[in-house]
C-alpha atoms as a PDB file:
ATOM      1  CA  UNK A   1     -10.322  25.396  -2.994  1.00  0.00           C
ATOM      2  CA  UNK A   2      -8.363  24.360  -5.555  1.00  0.00           C
ATOM      3  CA  UNK A   3      -9.516  20.122  -7.004  1.00  0.00           C
ATOM      4  CA  UNK A   4      -7.967  17.278  -9.223  1.00  0.00           C
ATOM      5  CA  UNK A   5      -9.682  14.739 -10.637  1.00  0.00           C
ATOM      6  CA  UNK A   6      -7.411  11.716 -10.926  1.00  0.00           C
ATOM      7  CA  UNK A   7      -8.713   9.820 -14.274  1.00  0.00           C
ATOM      8  CA  UNK A   8     -11.673  11.499 -15.842  1.00  0.00           C
ATOM      9  CA  UNK A   9     -13.612   7.683 -17.126  1.00  0.00           C
ATOM     10  CA  UNK A  10     -17.511   7.946 -16.806  1.00  0.00           C
ATOM     11  CA  UNK A  11     -17.028   8.735 -12.877  1.00  0.00           C
ATOM     12  CA  UNK A  12     -14.775  11.222 -13.197  1.00  0.00           C
ATOM     13  CA  UNK A  13     -16.443  13.308 -15.686  1.00  0.00           C
ATOM     14  CA  UNK A  14     -19.835  12.250 -12.821  1.00  0.00           C
ATOM     15  CA  UNK A  15     -17.887  14.291  -9.941  1.00  0.00           C
ATOM     16  CA  UNK A  16     -16.310  17.064 -12.574  1.00  0.00           C
ATOM     17  CA  UNK A  17     -19.888  18.352 -13.672  1.00  0.00           C
ATOM     18  CA  UNK A  18     -21.169  17.528  -9.739  1.00  0.00           C
ATOM     19  CA  UNK A  19     -17.778  19.994  -9.020  1.00  0.00           C
ATOM     20  CA  UNK A  20     -18.674  21.920 -11.563  1.00  0.00           C
ATOM     21  CA  UNK A  21     -22.421  22.296 -10.817  1.00  0.00           C
ATOM     22  CA  UNK A  22     -21.881  22.923  -6.712  1.00  0.00           C
ATOM     23  CA  UNK A  23     -19.639  25.838  -8.485  1.00  0.00           C
ATOM     24  CA  UNK A  24     -16.213  24.632  -8.200  1.00  0.00           C
ATOM     25  CA  UNK A  25     -14.027  26.128 -11.302  1.00  0.00           C
ATOM     26  CA  UNK A  26      -9.993  25.754 -10.415  1.00  0.00           C
ATOM     27  CA  UNK A  27     -10.374  21.546 -11.360  1.00  0.00           C
ATOM     28  CA  UNK A  28      -7.786  19.917 -12.837  1.00  0.00           C
ATOM     29  CA  UNK A  29      -7.111  16.572 -14.355  1.00  0.00           C
ATOM     30  CA  UNK A  30      -5.227  13.829 -14.416  1.00  0.00           C
ATOM     31  CA  UNK A  31      -5.922  11.342 -17.705  1.00  0.00           C
ATOM     32  CA  UNK A  32      -4.400   9.902 -21.304  1.00  0.00           C
ATOM     33  CA  UNK A  33      -7.288  11.846 -22.702  1.00  0.00           C
ATOM     34  CA  UNK A  34      -6.019  14.701 -25.237  1.00  0.00           C
ATOM     35  CA  UNK A  35      -6.911  18.269 -22.989  1.00  0.00           C
ATOM     36  CA  UNK A  36      -8.838  19.092 -25.771  1.00  0.00           C
ATOM     37  CA  UNK A  37     -11.216  15.806 -25.386  1.00  0.00           C
ATOM     38  CA  UNK A  38     -11.496  15.902 -21.757  1.00  0.00           C
ATOM     39  CA  UNK A  39     -14.071  18.155 -21.415  1.00  0.00           C
ATOM     40  CA  UNK A  40     -12.227  19.959 -18.167  1.00  0.00           C
ATOM     41  CA  UNK A  41     -12.813  23.387 -19.335  1.00  0.00           C
ATOM     42  CA  UNK A  42     -10.263  25.777 -17.823  1.00  0.00           C
ATOM     43  CA  UNK A  43      -8.633  23.729 -16.142  1.00  0.00           C
ATOM     44  CA  UNK A  44      -5.427  21.558 -16.352  1.00  0.00           C
ATOM     45  CA  UNK A  45      -5.261  18.054 -17.596  1.00  0.00           C
ATOM     46  CA  UNK A  46      -1.867  16.387 -16.953  1.00  0.00           C
ATOM     47  CA  UNK A  47      -0.662  13.201 -18.679  1.00  0.00           C
ATOM     48  CA  UNK A  48       0.658  12.081 -14.896  1.00  0.00           C
ATOM     49  CA  UNK A  49      -0.238  11.971 -11.371  1.00  0.00           C
ATOM     50  CA  UNK A  50       3.748  12.905 -10.801  1.00  0.00           C
ATOM     51  CA  UNK A  51       3.242  15.952 -12.934  1.00  0.00           C
ATOM     52  CA  UNK A  52       0.106  17.616 -11.950  1.00  0.00           C
ATOM     53  CA  UNK A  53       1.127  17.251  -8.431  1.00  0.00           C
ATOM     54  CA  UNK A  54       4.668  19.063  -9.205  1.00  0.00           C
ATOM     55  CA  UNK A  55       3.197  21.820 -11.545  1.00  0.00           C
ATOM     56  CA  UNK A  56       0.083  22.180  -7.928  1.00  0.00           C
ATOM     57  CA  UNK A  57      -0.100  22.432  -4.220  1.00  0.00           C
ATOM     58  CA  UNK A  58      -4.256  20.447  -4.325  1.00  0.00           C
ATOM     59  CA  UNK A  59      -6.579  20.616  -1.276  1.00  0.00           C
ATOM     60  CA  UNK A  60      -9.485  18.325  -2.744  1.00  0.00           C
ATOM     61  CA  UNK A  61      -8.183  14.895  -5.225  1.00  0.00           C
ATOM     62  CA  UNK A  62     -10.821  12.857  -6.043  1.00  0.00           C
ATOM     63  CA  UNK A  63      -9.002   9.455  -7.487  1.00  0.00           C
ATOM     64  CA  UNK A  64     -11.373   7.341  -9.931  1.00  0.00           C
ATOM     65  CA  UNK A  65      -8.533   5.199 -11.409  1.00  0.00           C
ATOM     66  CA  UNK A  66      -8.632   2.216 -12.166  1.00  0.00           C
ATOM     67  CA  UNK A  67      -8.849  -0.380  -9.050  1.00  0.00           C
ATOM     68  CA  UNK A  68      -5.966  -2.097  -9.604  1.00  0.00           C
ATOM     69  CA  UNK A  69      -4.255   1.575  -9.820  1.00  0.00           C
ATOM     70  CA  UNK A  70      -5.271   3.257  -6.611  1.00  0.00           C
ATOM     71  CA  UNK A  71      -2.509   2.440  -4.089  1.00  0.00           C
ATOM     72  CA  UNK A  72       0.003   3.575  -6.286  1.00  0.00           C
ATOM     73  CA  UNK A  73      -2.457   7.065  -6.379  1.00  0.00           C
ATOM     74  CA  UNK A  74      -3.075   7.030  -3.246  1.00  0.00           C
ATOM     75  CA  UNK A  75       0.854   6.791  -2.108  1.00  0.00           C
ATOM     76  CA  UNK A  76       1.370  10.074  -4.367  1.00  0.00           C
ATOM     77  CA  UNK A  77      -1.026  11.603  -2.940  1.00  0.00           C
ATOM     78  CA  UNK A  78      -0.547  11.375   0.730  1.00  0.00           C
ATOM     79  CA  UNK A  79       2.883  12.091   0.128  1.00  0.00           C
ATOM     80  CA  UNK A  80       1.863  14.583  -1.418  1.00  0.00           C
ATOM     81  CA  UNK A  81       0.093  15.394   1.201  1.00  0.00           C
ATOM     82  CA  UNK A  82      -3.349  16.228  -0.202  1.00  0.00           C
ATOM     83  CA  UNK A  83      -5.417  16.815   2.960  1.00  0.00           C
ATOM     84  CA  UNK A  84      -9.090  16.008   1.369  1.00  0.00           C
ATOM     85  CA  UNK A  85      -8.782  12.650  -0.728  1.00  0.00           C
ATOM     86  CA  UNK A  86     -12.027  10.685  -2.111  1.00  0.00           C
ATOM     87  CA  UNK A  87     -11.263   7.285  -2.701  1.00  0.00           C
ATOM     88  CA  UNK A  88     -13.898   5.099  -4.915  1.00  0.00           C
ATOM     89  CA  UNK A  89     -14.377   1.889  -4.076  1.00  0.00           C
ATOM     90  CA  UNK A  90     -12.824  -0.549  -3.126  1.00  0.00           C
ATOM     91  CA  UNK A  91      -9.155   0.888  -1.560  1.00  0.00           C
ATOM     92  CA  UNK A  92      -7.471  -2.045  -4.082  1.00  0.00           C
ATOM     93  CA  UNK A  93      -7.809  -5.284  -5.544  1.00  0.00           C
ATOM     94  CA  UNK A  94      -5.274  -7.070  -3.542  1.00  0.00           C
ATOM     95  CA  UNK A  95      -4.271  -6.734   0.340  1.00  0.00           C
ATOM     96  CA  UNK A  96      -0.531  -5.479  -0.704  1.00  0.00           C
ATOM     97  CA  UNK A  97       0.606  -2.515   0.070  1.00  0.00           C
ATOM     98  CA  UNK A  98      -2.286  -1.275   2.203  1.00  0.00           C
ATOM     99  CA  UNK A  99      -0.885  -1.666   5.280  1.00  0.00           C
ATOM    100  CA  UNK A 100       2.206   0.938   4.493  1.00  0.00           C
ATOM    101  CA  UNK A 101      -0.483   2.120   2.960  1.00  0.00           C
ATOM    102  CA  UNK A 102      -3.107   2.864   6.104  1.00  0.00           C
ATOM    103  CA  UNK A 103       1.042   3.853   8.140  1.00  0.00           C
ATOM    104  CA  UNK A 104       1.249   6.928   5.492  1.00  0.00           C
ATOM    105  CA  UNK A 105      -2.002   8.566   5.917  1.00  0.00           C
ATOM    106  CA  UNK A 106      -1.449   7.794   9.564  1.00  0.00           C
ATOM    107  CA  UNK A 107       1.506  10.319   9.461  1.00  0.00           C
ATOM    108  CA  UNK A 108      -0.511  14.146   8.870  1.00  0.00           C
ATOM    109  CA  UNK A 109      -3.971  15.314   9.234  1.00  0.00           C
ATOM    110  CA  UNK A 110      -6.428  14.793   6.416  1.00  0.00           C
ATOM    111  CA  UNK A 111      -9.562  14.232   5.734  1.00  0.00           C
ATOM    112  CA  UNK A 112      -9.853   9.830   3.528  1.00  0.00           C
ATOM    113  CA  UNK A 113     -13.923   9.290   2.260  1.00  0.00           C
ATOM    114  CA  UNK A 114     -13.901   5.778  -0.374  1.00  0.00           C
ATOM    115  CA  UNK A 115     -17.036   6.311  -2.324  1.00  0.00           C
ATOM    116  CA  UNK A 116     -19.092   2.684  -0.671  1.00  0.00           C
ATOM    117  CA  UNK A 117     -23.028   3.784  -1.451  1.00  0.00           C
ATOM    118  CA  UNK A 118     -24.486   1.068  -0.534  1.00  0.00           C
ATOM    119  CA  UNK A 119     -23.502   2.811   2.527  1.00  0.00           C
ATOM    120  CA  UNK A 120     -26.350   4.904   2.454  1.00  0.00           C
ATOM    121  CA  UNK A 121     -28.826   3.067   0.469  1.00  0.00           C
ATOM    122  CA  UNK A 122     -32.361   3.992   2.910  1.00  0.00           C
ATOM    123  CA  UNK A 123     -32.864   0.095   3.031  1.00  0.00           C
ATOM    124  CA  UNK A 124     -29.740  -1.084   4.722  1.00  0.00           C
ATOM    125  CA  UNK A 125     -29.667   1.526   6.728  1.00  0.00           C
ATOM    126  CA  UNK A 126     -33.032  -0.056   8.131  1.00  0.00           C
ATOM    127  CA  UNK A 127     -32.283  -3.394   8.329  1.00  0.00           C
ATOM    128  CA  UNK A 128     -29.473  -2.414  10.350  1.00  0.00           C
ATOM    129  CA  UNK A 129     -32.328  -0.632  12.423  1.00  0.00           C
ATOM    130  CA  UNK A 130     -33.813  -3.059  13.298  1.00  0.00           C
ATOM    131  CA  UNK A 131     -30.378  -5.402  14.021  1.00  0.00           C
ATOM    132  CA  UNK A 132     -29.704  -2.655  16.690  1.00  0.00           C
ATOM    133  CA  UNK A 133     -32.854  -2.899  18.268  1.00  0.00           C
ATOM    134  CA  UNK A 134     -33.271  -6.347  17.914  1.00  0.00           C
ATOM    135  CA  UNK A 135     -36.386  -6.566  16.387  1.00  0.00           C
ATOM    136  CA  UNK A 136     -35.637  -9.236  13.279  1.00  0.00           C
ATOM    137  CA  UNK A 137     -33.136 -11.131  15.653  1.00  0.00           C
ATOM    138  CA  UNK A 138     -29.244 -11.894  15.085  1.00  0.00           C
ATOM    139  CA  UNK A 139     -27.490 -11.331  12.104  1.00  0.00           C
ATOM    140  CA  UNK A 140     -25.546 -14.153  11.297  1.00  0.00           C
ATOM    141  CA  UNK A 141     -24.440 -13.251   7.277  1.00  0.00           C
ATOM    142  CA  UNK A 142     -25.748 -10.709   4.625  1.00  0.00           C
ATOM    143  CA  UNK A 143     -25.349 -10.464   1.477  1.00  0.00           C
ATOM    144  CA  UNK A 144     -26.467  -7.158  -0.454  1.00  0.00           C
ATOM    145  CA  UNK A 145     -26.728  -7.271  -4.534  1.00  0.00           C
ATOM    146  CA  UNK A 146     -26.821  -3.984  -6.572  1.00  0.00           C
ATOM    147  CA  UNK A 147     -27.418  -4.525 -10.507  1.00  0.00           C
ATOM    148  CA  UNK A 148     -28.185  -1.769 -12.588  1.00  0.00           C
ATOM    149  CA  UNK A 149     -29.077  -1.769 -16.786  1.00  0.00           C
ATOM    150  CA  UNK A 150     -25.959  -1.029 -18.502  1.00  0.00           C
ATOM    151  CA  UNK A 151     -27.126   0.647 -21.306  1.00  0.00           C
ATOM    152  CA  UNK A 152     -29.136   2.678 -18.853  1.00  0.00           C
ATOM    153  CA  UNK A 153     -26.212   3.627 -16.336  1.00  0.00           C
ATOM    154  CA  UNK A 154     -23.966   4.810 -19.042  1.00  0.00           C
ATOM    155  CA  UNK A 155     -26.238   5.739 -22.760  1.00  0.00           C
ATOM    156  CA  UNK A 156     -23.170   7.199 -23.614  1.00  0.00           C
ATOM    157  CA  UNK A 157     -21.090   3.913 -23.862  1.00  0.00           C
ATOM    158  CA  UNK A 158     -21.208   0.478 -25.844  1.00  0.00           C
ATOM    159  CA  UNK A 159     -21.619  -1.145 -23.082  1.00  0.00           C
ATOM    160  CA  UNK A 160     -20.597  -4.714 -24.564  1.00  0.00           C
END
């Protein structure tokens, strides 16, 4: 299986490490960093998504660019008919172009997953169970806040 990681910032590097730890080796990337600094190892490091998609066909793409670039990246991946795409949340910073993207996504058989950590949070899963069982009444509104101490989250970066 051939992977493409689009964006090698902190989350892209984490996905790269996770894929390697699972035993995957055919991993290319798109990064503004020089290939020698990408930490990619033996895979190809492309300077643009278009260059990567022209050079190789990918089974899986992991899109971890800044949010404002998500729609353009998704459009390129879908036009290249990548079958499995993992998109870091959120899908976009606004709704402009989302209907067209959905239409393109429906144009061929694929599997697209949007990363959303709270989806698997045990506390929120329990609240959902209680709501479904009518054990705590009807929800009129919900708000979930997630926080992290930034020096622990990214110890090798100056969070300021």
